[in-house]
Amino acid sequence: MQYEMIREIFNKCANNQMRDVFVEEIETDDPKRYVEEYLEGKADEIEVNALKNGDVIVDVNVSGLRQRFSFTPID
């Protein structure tokens, strides 16, 4: 399945609300496994939420740094 993947890396600085955002098109049958392989097994925590509209949100913690991978199916 093809997805538009948005990767957000949240800033740890208290007074900086900005985050790094990367967008790319990917192909996978399992967004969680894709994230695990993408991060080379470095994720300390992984939480997956499948939404009714088909989107899949994968929140991860890598060495105290929060990241979110949002997968939106491409028709």
PDB file of N, CA and C in Angstrom:
ATOM      1  N   MET A   1       0.838  -1.174   0.000  1.00  0.00           N
ATOM      2  CA  MET A   1       0.000   0.000   0.000  1.00  0.00           C
ATOM      3  C   MET A   1       0.889   1.246   0.000  1.00  0.00           C
ATOM      4  N   GLN A   2       0.469   2.255  -0.716  1.00  0.00           N
ATOM      5  CA  GLN A   2       1.233   3.509  -0.774  1.00  0.00           C
ATOM      6  C   GLN A   2       0.676   4.503   0.230  1.00  0.00           C
ATOM      7  N   TYR A   3       1.588   5.200   0.885  1.00  0.00           N
ATOM      8  CA  TYR A   3       1.224   6.203   1.874  1.00  0.00           C
ATOM      9  C   TYR A   3       2.025   7.477   1.656  1.00  0.00           C
ATOM     10  N   GLU A   4       1.431   8.594   2.062  1.00  0.00           N
ATOM     11  CA  GLU A   4       2.205   9.805   2.290  1.00  0.00           C
ATOM     12  C   GLU A   4       2.580   9.732   3.765  1.00  0.00           C
ATOM     13  N   MET A   5       3.867   9.776   4.046  1.00  0.00           N
ATOM     14  CA  MET A   5       4.333   9.692   5.424  1.00  0.00           C
ATOM     15  C   MET A   5       4.872  11.046   5.860  1.00  0.00           C
ATOM     16  N   ILE A   6       4.365  11.526   6.979  1.00  0.00           N
ATOM     17  CA  ILE A   6       4.860  12.765   7.575  1.00  0.00           C
ATOM     18  C   ILE A   6       5.562  12.386   8.867  1.00  0.00           C
ATOM     19  N   ARG A   7       6.834  12.743   8.972  1.00  0.00           N
ATOM     20  CA  ARG A   7       7.619  12.471  10.179  1.00  0.00           C
ATOM     21  C   ARG A   7       7.852  13.786  10.903  1.00  0.00           C
ATOM     22  N   GLU A   8       7.402  13.844  12.151  1.00  0.00           N
ATOM     23  CA  GLU A   8       7.586  15.034  12.972  1.00  0.00           C
ATOM     24  C   GLU A   8       8.526  14.691  14.122  1.00  0.00           C
ATOM     25  N   ILE A   9       9.527  15.521  14.323  1.00  0.00           N
ATOM     26  CA  ILE A   9      10.446  15.369  15.443  1.00  0.00           C
ATOM     27  C   ILE A   9      10.195  16.562  16.363  1.00  0.00           C
ATOM     28  N   PHE A  10       9.692  16.272  17.548  1.00  0.00           N
ATOM     29  CA  PHE A  10       9.314  17.316  18.484  1.00  0.00           C
ATOM     30  C   PHE A  10      10.546  17.876  19.193  1.00  0.00           C
ATOM     31  N   ASN A  11      10.569  19.186  19.366  1.00  0.00           N
ATOM     32  CA  ASN A  11      11.687  19.881  19.988  1.00  0.00           C
ATOM     33  C   ASN A  11      11.600  19.736  21.504  1.00  0.00           C
ATOM     34  N   LYS A  12      12.712  19.437  22.148  1.00  0.00           N
ATOM     35  CA  LYS A  12      12.743  19.260  23.601  1.00  0.00           C
ATOM     36  C   LYS A  12      12.895  20.573  24.366  1.00  0.00           C
ATOM     37  N   CYS A  13      13.222  21.653  23.688  1.00  0.00           N
ATOM     38  CA  CYS A  13      13.413  22.938  24.354  1.00  0.00           C
ATOM     39  C   CYS A  13      12.058  23.507  24.785  1.00  0.00           C
ATOM     40  N   ALA A  14      11.955  23.903  26.036  1.00  0.00           N
ATOM     41  CA  ALA A  14      10.681  24.352  26.608  1.00  0.00           C
ATOM     42  C   ALA A  14      10.071  25.556  25.888  1.00  0.00           C
ATOM     43  N   ASN A  15      10.874  26.493  25.450  1.00  0.00           N
ATOM     44  CA  ASN A  15      10.345  27.708  24.829  1.00  0.00           C
ATOM     45  C   ASN A  15      10.309  27.644  23.308  1.00  0.00           C
ATOM     46  N   ASN A  16      10.577  26.488  22.729  1.00  0.00           N
ATOM     47  CA  ASN A  16      10.571  26.342  21.272  1.00  0.00           C
ATOM     48  C   ASN A  16       9.496  25.329  20.885  1.00  0.00           C
ATOM     49  N   GLN A  17       8.410  25.805  20.307  1.00  0.00           N
ATOM     50  CA  GLN A  17       7.284  24.961  19.923  1.00  0.00           C
ATOM     51  C   GLN A  17       7.448  24.373  18.512  1.00  0.00           C
ATOM     52  N   MET A  18       8.491  24.785  17.805  1.00  0.00           N
ATOM     53  CA  MET A  18       8.694  24.319  16.435  1.00  0.00           C
ATOM     54  C   MET A  18       9.120  22.849  16.439  1.00  0.00           C
ATOM     55  N   ARG A  19       8.865  22.174  15.337  1.00  0.00           N
ATOM     56  CA  ARG A  19       9.303  20.794  15.177  1.00  0.00           C
ATOM     57  C   ARG A  19       9.815  20.603  13.764  1.00  0.00           C
ATOM     58  N   ASP A  20      10.701  19.646  13.602  1.00  0.00           N
ATOM     59  CA  ASP A  20      11.186  19.304  12.264  1.00  0.00           C
ATOM     60  C   ASP A  20      10.132  18.423  11.606  1.00  0.00           C
ATOM     61  N   VAL A  21       9.837  18.710  10.339  1.00  0.00           N
ATOM     62  CA  VAL A  21       8.807  17.959   9.615  1.00  0.00           C
ATOM     63  C   VAL A  21       9.387  17.512   8.272  1.00  0.00           C
ATOM     64  N   PHE A  22       9.226  16.212   7.981  1.00  0.00           N
ATOM     65  CA  PHE A  22       9.694  15.629   6.727  1.00  0.00           C
ATOM     66  C   PHE A  22       8.530  14.887   6.090  1.00  0.00           C
ATOM     67  N   VAL A  23       8.380  15.026   4.764  1.00  0.00           N
ATOM     68  CA  VAL A  23       7.279  14.384   4.040  1.00  0.00           C
ATOM     69  C   VAL A  23       7.861  13.557   2.912  1.00  0.00           C
ATOM     70  N   GLU A  24       7.359  12.326   2.774  1.00  0.00           N
ATOM     71  CA  GLU A  24       7.767  11.490   1.644  1.00  0.00           C
ATOM     72  C   GLU A  24       6.681  10.463   1.342  1.00  0.00           C
ATOM     73  N   GLU A  25       6.709   9.934   0.137  1.00  0.00           N
ATOM     74  CA  GLU A  25       5.805   8.850  -0.254  1.00  0.00           C
ATOM     75  C   GLU A  25       6.540   7.533  -0.078  1.00  0.00           C
ATOM     76  N   ILE A  26       5.855   6.580   0.575  1.00  0.00           N
ATOM     77  CA  ILE A  26       6.478   5.283   0.819  1.00  0.00           C
ATOM     78  C   ILE A  26       5.471   4.172   0.477  1.00  0.00           C
ATOM     79  N   GLU A  27       5.979   2.958   0.389  1.00  0.00           N
ATOM     80  CA  GLU A  27       5.135   1.788   0.158  1.00  0.00           C
ATOM     81  C   GLU A  27       5.424   0.765   1.247  1.00  0.00           C
ATOM     82  N   THR A  28       4.360   0.334   1.947  1.00  0.00           N
ATOM     83  CA  THR A  28       4.498  -0.658   3.010  1.00  0.00           C
ATOM     84  C   THR A  28       3.150  -1.306   3.285  1.00  0.00           C
ATOM     85  N   ASP A  29       3.175  -2.513   3.792  1.00  0.00           N
ATOM     86  CA  ASP A  29       1.957  -3.186   4.234  1.00  0.00           C
ATOM     87  C   ASP A  29       1.789  -3.075   5.746  1.00  0.00           C
ATOM     88  N   ASP A  30       2.815  -2.587   6.433  1.00  0.00           N
ATOM     89  CA  ASP A  30       2.797  -2.524   7.895  1.00  0.00           C
ATOM     90  C   ASP A  30       3.539  -1.272   8.364  1.00  0.00           C
ATOM     91  N   PRO A  31       2.807  -0.167   8.618  1.00  0.00           N
ATOM     92  CA  PRO A  31       3.462   1.070   9.041  1.00  0.00           C
ATOM     93  C   PRO A  31       4.316   0.914  10.305  1.00  0.00           C
ATOM     94  N   LYS A  32       3.882   0.127  11.281  1.00  0.00           N
ATOM     95  CA  LYS A  32       4.677  -0.059  12.508  1.00  0.00           C
ATOM     96  C   LYS A  32       6.023  -0.708  12.181  1.00  0.00           C
ATOM     97  N   ARG A  33       5.995  -1.759  11.391  1.00  0.00           N
ATOM     98  CA  ARG A  33       7.243  -2.431  11.024  1.00  0.00           C
ATOM     99  C   ARG A  33       8.138  -1.487  10.222  1.00  0.00           C
ATOM    100  N   TYR A  34       7.532  -0.690   9.336  1.00  0.00           N
ATOM    101  CA  TYR A  34       8.289   0.281   8.553  1.00  0.00           C
ATOM    102  C   TYR A  34       9.040   1.238   9.487  1.00  0.00           C
ATOM    103  N   VAL A  35       8.358   1.752  10.520  1.00  0.00           N
ATOM    104  CA  VAL A  35       8.985   2.681  11.465  1.00  0.00           C
ATOM    105  C   VAL A  35      10.100   1.980  12.240  1.00  0.00           C
ATOM    106  N   GLU A  36       9.849   0.750  12.687  1.00  0.00           N
ATOM    107  CA  GLU A  36      10.877  -0.002  13.413  1.00  0.00           C
ATOM    108  C   GLU A  36      12.137  -0.169  12.568  1.00  0.00           C
ATOM    109  N   GLU A  37      11.961  -0.504  11.291  1.00  0.00           N
ATOM    110  CA  GLU A  37      13.110  -0.668  10.396  1.00  0.00           C
ATOM    111  C   GLU A  37      13.753   0.683  10.074  1.00  0.00           C
ATOM    112  N   TYR A  38      12.938   1.708   9.888  1.00  0.00           N
ATOM    113  CA  TYR A  38      13.422   3.055   9.588  1.00  0.00           C
ATOM    114  C   TYR A  38      14.332   3.553  10.713  1.00  0.00           C
ATOM    115  N   LEU A  39      13.929   3.264  11.951  1.00  0.00           N
ATOM    116  CA  LEU A  39      14.699   3.711  13.114  1.00  0.00           C
ATOM    117  C   LEU A  39      15.741   2.685  13.552  1.00  0.00           C
ATOM    118  N   GLU A  40      15.897   1.647  12.771  1.00  0.00           N
ATOM    119  CA  GLU A  40      16.906   0.608  13.009  1.00  0.00           C
ATOM    120  C   GLU A  40      16.824   0.028  14.415  1.00  0.00           C
ATOM    121  N   GLY A  41      15.587  -0.172  14.912  1.00  0.00           N
ATOM    122  CA  GLY A  41      15.395  -0.792  16.216  1.00  0.00           C
ATOM    123  C   GLY A  41      15.753   0.080  17.404  1.00  0.00           C
ATOM    124  N   LYS A  42      15.929   1.378  17.201  1.00  0.00           N
ATOM    125  CA  LYS A  42      16.362   2.274  18.279  1.00  0.00           C
ATOM    126  C   LYS A  42      15.210   2.857  19.092  1.00  0.00           C
ATOM    127  N   ALA A  43      13.966   2.552  18.733  1.00  0.00           N
ATOM    128  CA  ALA A  43      12.812   3.110  19.441  1.00  0.00           C
ATOM    129  C   ALA A  43      12.645   2.444  20.798  1.00  0.00           C
ATOM    130  N   ASP A  44      12.532   3.273  21.847  1.00  0.00           N
ATOM    131  CA  ASP A  44      12.313   2.769  23.198  1.00  0.00           C
ATOM    132  C   ASP A  44      10.848   2.410  23.423  1.00  0.00           C
ATOM    133  N   GLU A  45       9.953   3.200  22.862  1.00  0.00           N
ATOM    134  CA  GLU A  45       8.511   2.993  22.987  1.00  0.00           C
ATOM    135  C   GLU A  45       7.866   3.218  21.626  1.00  0.00           C
ATOM    136  N   ILE A  46       6.852   2.416  21.318  1.00  0.00           N
ATOM    137  CA  ILE A  46       6.090   2.592  20.075  1.00  0.00           C
ATOM    138  C   ILE A  46       4.606   2.458  20.399  1.00  0.00           C
ATOM    139  N   GLU A  47       3.814   3.434  19.941  1.00  0.00           N
ATOM    140  CA  GLU A  47       2.364   3.396  20.111  1.00  0.00           C
ATOM    141  C   GLU A  47       1.729   3.600  18.742  1.00  0.00           C
ATOM    142  N   VAL A  48       0.822   2.712  18.370  1.00  0.00           N
ATOM    143  CA  VAL A  48       0.185   2.764  17.056  1.00  0.00           C
ATOM    144  C   VAL A  48      -1.302   3.037  17.225  1.00  0.00           C
ATOM    145  N   ASN A  49      -1.814   3.998  16.448  1.00  0.00           N
ATOM    146  CA  ASN A  49      -3.243   4.305  16.429  1.00  0.00           C
ATOM    147  C   ASN A  49      -3.730   4.279  14.993  1.00  0.00           C
ATOM    148  N   ALA A  50      -4.649   3.351  14.697  1.00  0.00           N
ATOM    149  CA  ALA A  50      -5.275   3.279  13.376  1.00  0.00           C
ATOM    150  C   ALA A  50      -6.589   4.053  13.434  1.00  0.00           C
ATOM    151  N   LEU A  51      -6.726   5.046  12.589  1.00  0.00           N
ATOM    152  CA  LEU A  51      -7.921   5.879  12.578  1.00  0.00           C
ATOM    153  C   LEU A  51      -8.963   5.330  11.614  1.00  0.00           C
ATOM    154  N   LYS A  52     -10.214   5.708  11.824  1.00  0.00           N
ATOM    155  CA  LYS A  52     -11.325   5.222  10.997  1.00  0.00           C
ATOM    156  C   LYS A  52     -11.175   5.598   9.529  1.00  0.00           C
ATOM    157  N   ASN A  53     -10.501   6.716   9.241  1.00  0.00           N
ATOM    158  CA  ASN A  53     -10.364   7.176   7.858  1.00  0.00           C
ATOM    159  C   ASN A  53      -9.228   6.478   7.108  1.00  0.00           C
ATOM    160  N   GLY A  54      -8.535   5.520   7.778  1.00  0.00           N
ATOM    161  CA  GLY A  54      -7.461   4.779   7.132  1.00  0.00           C
ATOM    162  C   GLY A  54      -6.061   5.268   7.484  1.00  0.00           C
ATOM    163  N   ASP A  55      -5.969   6.439   8.109  1.00  0.00           N
ATOM    164  CA  ASP A  55      -4.661   6.946   8.534  1.00  0.00           C
ATOM    165  C   ASP A  55      -4.114   6.086   9.674  1.00  0.00           C
ATOM    166  N   VAL A  56      -2.806   6.007   9.758  1.00  0.00           N
ATOM    167  CA  VAL A  56      -2.141   5.303  10.849  1.00  0.00           C
ATOM    168  C   VAL A  56      -1.125   6.264  11.459  1.00  0.00           C
ATOM    169  N   ILE A  57      -1.217   6.456  12.782  1.00  0.00           N
ATOM    170  CA  ILE A  57      -0.311   7.332  13.508  1.00  0.00           C
ATOM    171  C   ILE A  57       0.588   6.455  14.375  1.00  0.00           C
ATOM    172  N   VAL A  58       1.904   6.615  14.222  1.00  0.00           N
ATOM    173  CA  VAL A  58       2.861   5.850  15.016  1.00  0.00           C
ATOM    174  C   VAL A  58       3.695   6.855  15.808  1.00  0.00           C
ATOM    175  N   ASP A  59       3.504   6.841  17.135  1.00  0.00           N
ATOM    176  CA  ASP A  59       4.278   7.695  18.026  1.00  0.00           C
ATOM    177  C   ASP A  59       5.410   6.874  18.618  1.00  0.00           C
ATOM    178  N   VAL A  60       6.604   7.438  18.625  1.00  0.00           N
ATOM    179  CA  VAL A  60       7.774   6.721  19.139  1.00  0.00           C
ATOM    180  C   VAL A  60       8.583   7.628  20.061  1.00  0.00           C
ATOM    181  N   ASN A  61       9.368   6.980  20.894  1.00  0.00           N
ATOM    182  CA  ASN A  61      10.327   7.666  21.743  1.00  0.00           C
ATOM    183  C   ASN A  61      11.681   7.046  21.452  1.00  0.00           C
ATOM    184  N   VAL A  62      12.615   7.867  21.015  1.00  0.00           N
ATOM    185  CA  VAL A  62      13.964   7.401  20.708  1.00  0.00           C
ATOM    186  C   VAL A  62      14.931   8.191  21.584  1.00  0.00           C
ATOM    187  N   SER A  63      15.469   7.547  22.585  1.00  0.00           N
ATOM    188  CA  SER A  63      16.419   8.185  23.508  1.00  0.00           C
ATOM    189  C   SER A  63      15.877   9.485  24.085  1.00  0.00           C
ATOM    190  N   GLY A  64      14.589   9.470  24.473  1.00  0.00           N
ATOM    191  CA  GLY A  64      13.966  10.642  25.069  1.00  0.00           C
ATOM    192  C   GLY A  64      13.449  11.663  24.083  1.00  0.00           C
ATOM    193  N   LEU A  65      13.610  11.424  22.789  1.00  0.00           N
ATOM    194  CA  LEU A  65      13.153  12.352  21.761  1.00  0.00           C
ATOM    195  C   LEU A  65      11.863  11.801  21.145  1.00  0.00           C
ATOM    196  N   ARG A  66      10.782  12.567  21.259  1.00  0.00           N
ATOM    197  CA  ARG A  66       9.479  12.136  20.745  1.00  0.00           C
ATOM    198  C   ARG A  66       9.381  12.402  19.247  1.00  0.00           C
ATOM    199  N   GLN A  67       8.883  11.389  18.522  1.00  0.00           N
ATOM    200  CA  GLN A  67       8.663  11.518  17.087  1.00  0.00           C
ATOM    201  C   GLN A  67       7.298  10.952  16.750  1.00  0.00           C
ATOM    202  N   ARG A  68       6.687  11.497  15.701  1.00  0.00           N
ATOM    203  CA  ARG A  68       5.398  11.000  15.217  1.00  0.00           C
ATOM    204  C   ARG A  68       5.505  10.758  13.723  1.00  0.00           C
ATOM    205  N   PHE A  69       5.077   9.571  13.312  1.00  0.00           N
ATOM    206  CA  PHE A  69       4.983   9.198  11.903  1.00  0.00           C
ATOM    207  C   PHE A  69       3.504   9.086  11.563  1.00  0.00           C
ATOM    208  N   SER A  70       3.037   9.906  10.641  1.00  0.00           N
ATOM    209  CA  SER A  70       1.641   9.881  10.211  1.00  0.00           C
ATOM    210  C   SER A  70       1.571   9.321   8.803  1.00  0.00           C
ATOM    211  N   PHE A  71       0.823   8.239   8.641  1.00  0.00           N
ATOM    212  CA  PHE A  71       0.679   7.577   7.345  1.00  0.00           C
ATOM    213  C   PHE A  71      -0.721   7.821   6.807  1.00  0.00           C
ATOM    214  N   THR A  72      -0.818   8.436   5.630  1.00  0.00           N
ATOM    215  CA  THR A  72      -2.099   8.693   4.977  1.00  0.00           C
ATOM    216  C   THR A  72      -2.104   7.909   3.662  1.00  0.00           C
ATOM    217  N   PRO A  73      -3.093   7.008   3.493  1.00  0.00           N
ATOM    218  CA  PRO A  73      -3.144   6.225   2.255  1.00  0.00           C
ATOM    219  C   PRO A  73      -3.275   7.105   1.024  1.00  0.00           C
ATOM    220  N   ILE A  74      -2.580   6.731  -0.036  1.00  0.00           N
ATOM    221  CA  ILE A  74      -2.673   7.418  -1.319  1.00  0.00           C
ATOM    222  C   ILE A  74      -3.522   6.554  -2.229  1.00  0.00           C
ATOM    223  N   ASP A  75      -4.572   7.134  -2.764  1.00  0.00           N
ATOM    224  CA  ASP A  75      -5.481   6.371  -3.664  1.00  0.00           C
ATOM    225  C   ASP A  75      -4.826   6.027  -4.966  1.00  0.00           C
TER     226      ASP A  75
END
